């Protein structure tokens, strides 16, 4: 009888926590249209498969005039970072909350990114789903926080 309860509990686990199993690969995202977001962290999940921030976006969001001139980490040279920053646009959709998918914990630790807490101001350049359909999710390429920039697809030297 105990074994039956274990099997039922194990089988129902994915149903009880569907969001914990959600993960998006790079192919789902429109890498031809970089977007810019900034806002205040409402909540953070510092866990694998990657860190996730839920960010409150202010109305009237605009791409900063200096974005294309920002210095990027040398480690991210294989990605055309200056080109991405120069082409970044605000999203067409008007969601006031976005989920930002960052790098895996091991990469965040390698970059020495301190755990980002609710209330922290962040900005990011990255990609959302093709045609901006589905959830308001950004796969972050560059994260700007506390005066620092991190190239999240790369690792530090």
C-alpha atoms as a PDB file:
ATOM      1  CA  UNK A   1       0.000   0.000   0.000  1.00  0.00           C
ATOM      2  CA  UNK A   2       2.807   2.433   0.798  1.00  0.00           C
ATOM      3  CA  UNK A   3       4.371   1.870  -2.614  1.00  0.00           C
ATOM      4  CA  UNK A   4       1.103   2.840  -4.335  1.00  0.00           C
ATOM      5  CA  UNK A   5       1.031   6.180  -2.457  1.00  0.00           C
ATOM      6  CA  UNK A   6       4.629   6.906  -3.449  1.00  0.00           C
ATOM      7  CA  UNK A   7       3.876   6.206  -7.115  1.00  0.00           C
ATOM      8  CA  UNK A   8       0.773   8.418  -7.059  1.00  0.00           C
ATOM      9  CA  UNK A   9       2.648  11.229  -5.300  1.00  0.00           C
ATOM     10  CA  UNK A  10       5.556  11.027  -7.752  1.00  0.00           C
ATOM     11  CA  UNK A  11       3.230  10.964 -10.754  1.00  0.00           C
ATOM     12  CA  UNK A  12       1.305  14.010  -9.547  1.00  0.00           C
ATOM     13  CA  UNK A  13       4.390  16.132  -8.803  1.00  0.00           C
ATOM     14  CA  UNK A  14       4.660  17.636 -12.329  1.00  0.00           C
ATOM     15  CA  UNK A  15       0.979  18.576 -12.180  1.00  0.00           C
ATOM     16  CA  UNK A  16       1.421  20.358  -8.870  1.00  0.00           C
ATOM     17  CA  UNK A  17       4.406  22.434 -10.007  1.00  0.00           C
ATOM     18  CA  UNK A  18       4.130  23.064 -13.762  1.00  0.00           C
ATOM     19  CA  UNK A  19       6.091  26.336 -13.697  1.00  0.00           C
ATOM     20  CA  UNK A  20       9.092  24.704 -12.065  1.00  0.00           C
ATOM     21  CA  UNK A  21       9.575  22.568 -15.182  1.00  0.00           C
ATOM     22  CA  UNK A  22       9.245  25.390 -17.735  1.00  0.00           C
ATOM     23  CA  UNK A  23      12.461  26.143 -19.596  1.00  0.00           C
ATOM     24  CA  UNK A  24      13.018  27.909 -22.886  1.00  0.00           C
ATOM     25  CA  UNK A  25      15.824  27.161 -25.340  1.00  0.00           C
ATOM     26  CA  UNK A  26      17.418  29.891 -27.478  1.00  0.00           C
ATOM     27  CA  UNK A  27      15.610  28.741 -30.649  1.00  0.00           C
ATOM     28  CA  UNK A  28      12.267  30.032 -29.324  1.00  0.00           C
ATOM     29  CA  UNK A  29      13.558  33.594 -29.176  1.00  0.00           C
ATOM     30  CA  UNK A  30      13.804  36.163 -31.983  1.00  0.00           C
ATOM     31  CA  UNK A  31      17.538  36.857 -32.049  1.00  0.00           C
ATOM     32  CA  UNK A  32      17.099  39.262 -34.966  1.00  0.00           C
ATOM     33  CA  UNK A  33      15.206  41.775 -32.811  1.00  0.00           C
ATOM     34  CA  UNK A  34      16.948  42.660 -29.544  1.00  0.00           C
ATOM     35  CA  UNK A  35      14.766  44.393 -26.990  1.00  0.00           C
ATOM     36  CA  UNK A  36      15.532  46.656 -24.053  1.00  0.00           C
ATOM     37  CA  UNK A  37      13.815  46.482 -20.667  1.00  0.00           C
ATOM     38  CA  UNK A  38      14.389  48.231 -17.368  1.00  0.00           C
ATOM     39  CA  UNK A  39      12.534  48.221 -14.117  1.00  0.00           C
ATOM     40  CA  UNK A  40      12.431  47.120 -10.516  1.00  0.00           C
ATOM     41  CA  UNK A  41      12.755  43.503  -9.432  1.00  0.00           C
ATOM     42  CA  UNK A  42       9.466  42.308  -7.910  1.00  0.00           C
ATOM     43  CA  UNK A  43      10.739  38.787  -7.156  1.00  0.00           C
ATOM     44  CA  UNK A  44      13.769  36.644  -7.857  1.00  0.00           C
ATOM     45  CA  UNK A  45      14.362  32.904  -8.138  1.00  0.00           C
ATOM     46  CA  UNK A  46      18.041  32.203  -7.677  1.00  0.00           C
ATOM     47  CA  UNK A  47      18.023  28.572  -8.855  1.00  0.00           C
ATOM     48  CA  UNK A  48      18.785  26.272 -11.778  1.00  0.00           C
ATOM     49  CA  UNK A  49      18.244  25.757 -14.656  1.00  0.00           C
ATOM     50  CA  UNK A  50      18.707  29.553 -14.681  1.00  0.00           C
ATOM     51  CA  UNK A  51      18.094  32.564 -12.484  1.00  0.00           C
ATOM     52  CA  UNK A  52      14.746  34.274 -13.088  1.00  0.00           C
ATOM     53  CA  UNK A  53      13.707  37.807 -12.208  1.00  0.00           C
ATOM     54  CA  UNK A  54      10.170  39.131 -12.325  1.00  0.00           C
ATOM     55  CA  UNK A  55      10.553  42.822 -13.172  1.00  0.00           C
ATOM     56  CA  UNK A  56       8.011  45.633 -12.957  1.00  0.00           C
ATOM     57  CA  UNK A  57       8.368  47.790 -16.085  1.00  0.00           C
ATOM     58  CA  UNK A  58       7.483  51.501 -15.899  1.00  0.00           C
ATOM     59  CA  UNK A  59       5.074  52.991 -18.399  1.00  0.00           C
ATOM     60  CA  UNK A  60       6.642  55.107 -21.130  1.00  0.00           C
ATOM     61  CA  UNK A  61       9.759  52.915 -21.343  1.00  0.00           C
ATOM     62  CA  UNK A  62      12.368  54.243 -23.783  1.00  0.00           C
ATOM     63  CA  UNK A  63      15.761  53.003 -24.911  1.00  0.00           C
ATOM     64  CA  UNK A  64      18.413  55.183 -23.207  1.00  0.00           C
ATOM     65  CA  UNK A  65      20.277  57.498 -25.591  1.00  0.00           C
ATOM     66  CA  UNK A  66      23.635  56.153 -24.369  1.00  0.00           C
ATOM     67  CA  UNK A  67      22.788  52.433 -24.659  1.00  0.00           C
ATOM     68  CA  UNK A  68      24.761  51.844 -27.876  1.00  0.00           C
ATOM     69  CA  UNK A  69      27.852  53.481 -26.312  1.00  0.00           C
ATOM     70  CA  UNK A  70      27.957  51.382 -23.152  1.00  0.00           C
ATOM     71  CA  UNK A  71      31.109  49.373 -22.532  1.00  0.00           C
ATOM     72  CA  UNK A  72      30.594  45.611 -22.725  1.00  0.00           C
ATOM     73  CA  UNK A  73      32.703  42.816 -21.222  1.00  0.00           C
ATOM     74  CA  UNK A  74      35.545  41.665 -23.498  1.00  0.00           C
ATOM     75  CA  UNK A  75      34.497  38.036 -22.932  1.00  0.00           C
ATOM     76  CA  UNK A  76      31.311  38.627 -24.880  1.00  0.00           C
ATOM     77  CA  UNK A  77      33.194  39.607 -28.092  1.00  0.00           C
ATOM     78  CA  UNK A  78      31.900  36.547 -30.042  1.00  0.00           C
ATOM     79  CA  UNK A  79      28.420  38.082 -29.700  1.00  0.00           C
ATOM     80  CA  UNK A  80      28.048  41.369 -31.605  1.00  0.00           C
ATOM     81  CA  UNK A  81      27.213  43.244 -28.419  1.00  0.00           C
ATOM     82  CA  UNK A  82      27.640  46.768 -29.813  1.00  0.00           C
ATOM     83  CA  UNK A  83      25.377  45.808 -32.724  1.00  0.00           C
ATOM     84  CA  UNK A  84      22.743  44.395 -30.360  1.00  0.00           C
ATOM     85  CA  UNK A  85      22.779  47.513 -28.203  1.00  0.00           C
ATOM     86  CA  UNK A  86      22.523  49.754 -31.287  1.00  0.00           C
ATOM     87  CA  UNK A  87      19.524  47.779 -32.622  1.00  0.00           C
ATOM     88  CA  UNK A  88      17.682  47.327 -29.310  1.00  0.00           C
ATOM     89  CA  UNK A  89      14.079  48.513 -29.237  1.00  0.00           C
ATOM     90  CA  UNK A  90      11.442  48.561 -26.542  1.00  0.00           C
ATOM     91  CA  UNK A  91       8.979  45.693 -26.880  1.00  0.00           C
ATOM     92  CA  UNK A  92       5.848  46.233 -28.932  1.00  0.00           C
ATOM     93  CA  UNK A  93       3.774  44.550 -26.251  1.00  0.00           C
ATOM     94  CA  UNK A  94       2.814  46.642 -23.229  1.00  0.00           C
ATOM     95  CA  UNK A  95       3.092  44.172 -20.350  1.00  0.00           C
ATOM     96  CA  UNK A  96       3.961  45.881 -17.067  1.00  0.00           C
ATOM     97  CA  UNK A  97       5.709  42.757 -15.728  1.00  0.00           C
ATOM     98  CA  UNK A  98       8.300  40.681 -17.521  1.00  0.00           C
ATOM     99  CA  UNK A  99      10.148  37.534 -16.564  1.00  0.00           C
ATOM    100  CA  UNK A 100      13.873  37.884 -17.255  1.00  0.00           C
ATOM    101  CA  UNK A 101      15.694  34.586 -17.771  1.00  0.00           C
ATOM    102  CA  UNK A 102      19.323  35.004 -16.764  1.00  0.00           C
ATOM    103  CA  UNK A 103      22.194  32.514 -16.884  1.00  0.00           C
ATOM    104  CA  UNK A 104      22.592  29.281 -14.886  1.00  0.00           C
ATOM    105  CA  UNK A 105      23.766  29.679 -11.287  1.00  0.00           C
ATOM    106  CA  UNK A 106      27.284  28.475 -12.101  1.00  0.00           C
ATOM    107  CA  UNK A 107      27.745  31.253 -14.665  1.00  0.00           C
ATOM    108  CA  UNK A 108      26.198  33.876 -12.368  1.00  0.00           C
ATOM    109  CA  UNK A 109      28.645  32.786  -9.651  1.00  0.00           C
ATOM    110  CA  UNK A 110      31.581  32.865 -12.104  1.00  0.00           C
ATOM    111  CA  UNK A 111      30.648  36.468 -12.980  1.00  0.00           C
ATOM    112  CA  UNK A 112      30.408  37.154  -9.230  1.00  0.00           C
ATOM    113  CA  UNK A 113      26.894  38.554  -9.614  1.00  0.00           C
ATOM    114  CA  UNK A 114      25.519  39.138  -6.132  1.00  0.00           C
ATOM    115  CA  UNK A 115      22.070  37.686  -5.553  1.00  0.00           C
ATOM    116  CA  UNK A 116      19.610  40.225  -6.912  1.00  0.00           C
ATOM    117  CA  UNK A 117      16.898  41.071  -4.409  1.00  0.00           C
ATOM    118  CA  UNK A 118      13.407  42.516  -4.852  1.00  0.00           C
ATOM    119  CA  UNK A 119      13.519  46.300  -5.102  1.00  0.00           C
ATOM    120  CA  UNK A 120      16.749  46.320  -7.146  1.00  0.00           C
ATOM    121  CA  UNK A 121      16.760  48.415 -10.324  1.00  0.00           C
ATOM    122  CA  UNK A 122      17.934  46.437 -13.373  1.00  0.00           C
ATOM    123  CA  UNK A 123      18.045  46.868 -17.112  1.00  0.00           C
ATOM    124  CA  UNK A 124      18.700  44.316 -19.809  1.00  0.00           C
ATOM    125  CA  UNK A 125      19.086  43.719 -23.505  1.00  0.00           C
ATOM    126  CA  UNK A 126      17.936  40.393 -24.817  1.00  0.00           C
ATOM    127  CA  UNK A 127      15.314  38.595 -26.826  1.00  0.00           C
ATOM    128  CA  UNK A 128      11.669  37.676 -26.489  1.00  0.00           C
ATOM    129  CA  UNK A 129       9.605  35.116 -28.341  1.00  0.00           C
ATOM    130  CA  UNK A 130       9.243  35.406 -32.095  1.00  0.00           C
ATOM    131  CA  UNK A 131       6.485  37.855 -33.055  1.00  0.00           C
ATOM    132  CA  UNK A 132       6.349  38.706 -29.299  1.00  0.00           C
ATOM    133  CA  UNK A 133       3.735  35.976 -28.880  1.00  0.00           C
ATOM    134  CA  UNK A 134       3.130  34.065 -25.680  1.00  0.00           C
ATOM    135  CA  UNK A 135       4.453  35.015 -22.281  1.00  0.00           C
ATOM    136  CA  UNK A 136       6.256  38.266 -21.482  1.00  0.00           C
ATOM    137  CA  UNK A 137       9.670  36.600 -21.192  1.00  0.00           C
ATOM    138  CA  UNK A 138      13.100  37.962 -22.088  1.00  0.00           C
ATOM    139  CA  UNK A 139      16.157  35.778 -22.537  1.00  0.00           C
ATOM    140  CA  UNK A 140      18.835  38.176 -21.267  1.00  0.00           C
ATOM    141  CA  UNK A 141      22.015  38.695 -23.271  1.00  0.00           C
ATOM    142  CA  UNK A 142      23.330  41.688 -21.281  1.00  0.00           C
ATOM    143  CA  UNK A 143      22.342  42.512 -17.717  1.00  0.00           C
ATOM    144  CA  UNK A 144      22.996  45.943 -16.227  1.00  0.00           C
ATOM    145  CA  UNK A 145      22.821  46.059 -12.412  1.00  0.00           C
ATOM    146  CA  UNK A 146      24.558  48.120  -9.731  1.00  0.00           C
ATOM    147  CA  UNK A 147      26.690  49.974 -12.288  1.00  0.00           C
ATOM    148  CA  UNK A 148      28.051  46.745 -13.804  1.00  0.00           C
ATOM    149  CA  UNK A 149      27.337  44.890 -17.037  1.00  0.00           C
ATOM    150  CA  UNK A 150      27.363  41.117 -17.472  1.00  0.00           C
ATOM    151  CA  UNK A 151      27.412  39.216 -20.775  1.00  0.00           C
ATOM    152  CA  UNK A 152      25.329  36.244 -19.710  1.00  0.00           C
ATOM    153  CA  UNK A 153      25.932  33.985 -22.694  1.00  0.00           C
ATOM    154  CA  UNK A 154      29.661  34.083 -21.965  1.00  0.00           C
ATOM    155  CA  UNK A 155      31.781  33.340 -18.922  1.00  0.00           C
ATOM    156  CA  UNK A 156      34.310  35.745 -17.429  1.00  0.00           C
ATOM    157  CA  UNK A 157      37.987  35.290 -18.402  1.00  0.00           C
END
